[in-house]
């Protein structure tokens, strides 16, 4: 009886080559994640880094904590009115 071990080695080598090729293809097909920030996002970032804004926020926090902060109702209404108007107009359009 003759046993030929070279056939087994050839099969193993073939498997290894196939495995190496598959790994190489996986590495090629992997993409790198990319992030891009819009102009608006960059503007928001700059605004948050603004020291004047930070000082204003700390002053408001101090006023709220000491109880000296007073809401200016006129300004509040000016800012909220367009929002509520748009909500009412959207609701009336949905009912049509």
Foldseek 3Di string as FASTA:
>chain_A
DDDDCVVVVVVVVVVVVVVVVVVVVVVVPDDDDDDDADPVRVVVVVVVVDVVVVVVVVVVVVCVVVVNDDDDVVVVCVVCVVVVVVVVVVVVVVVD
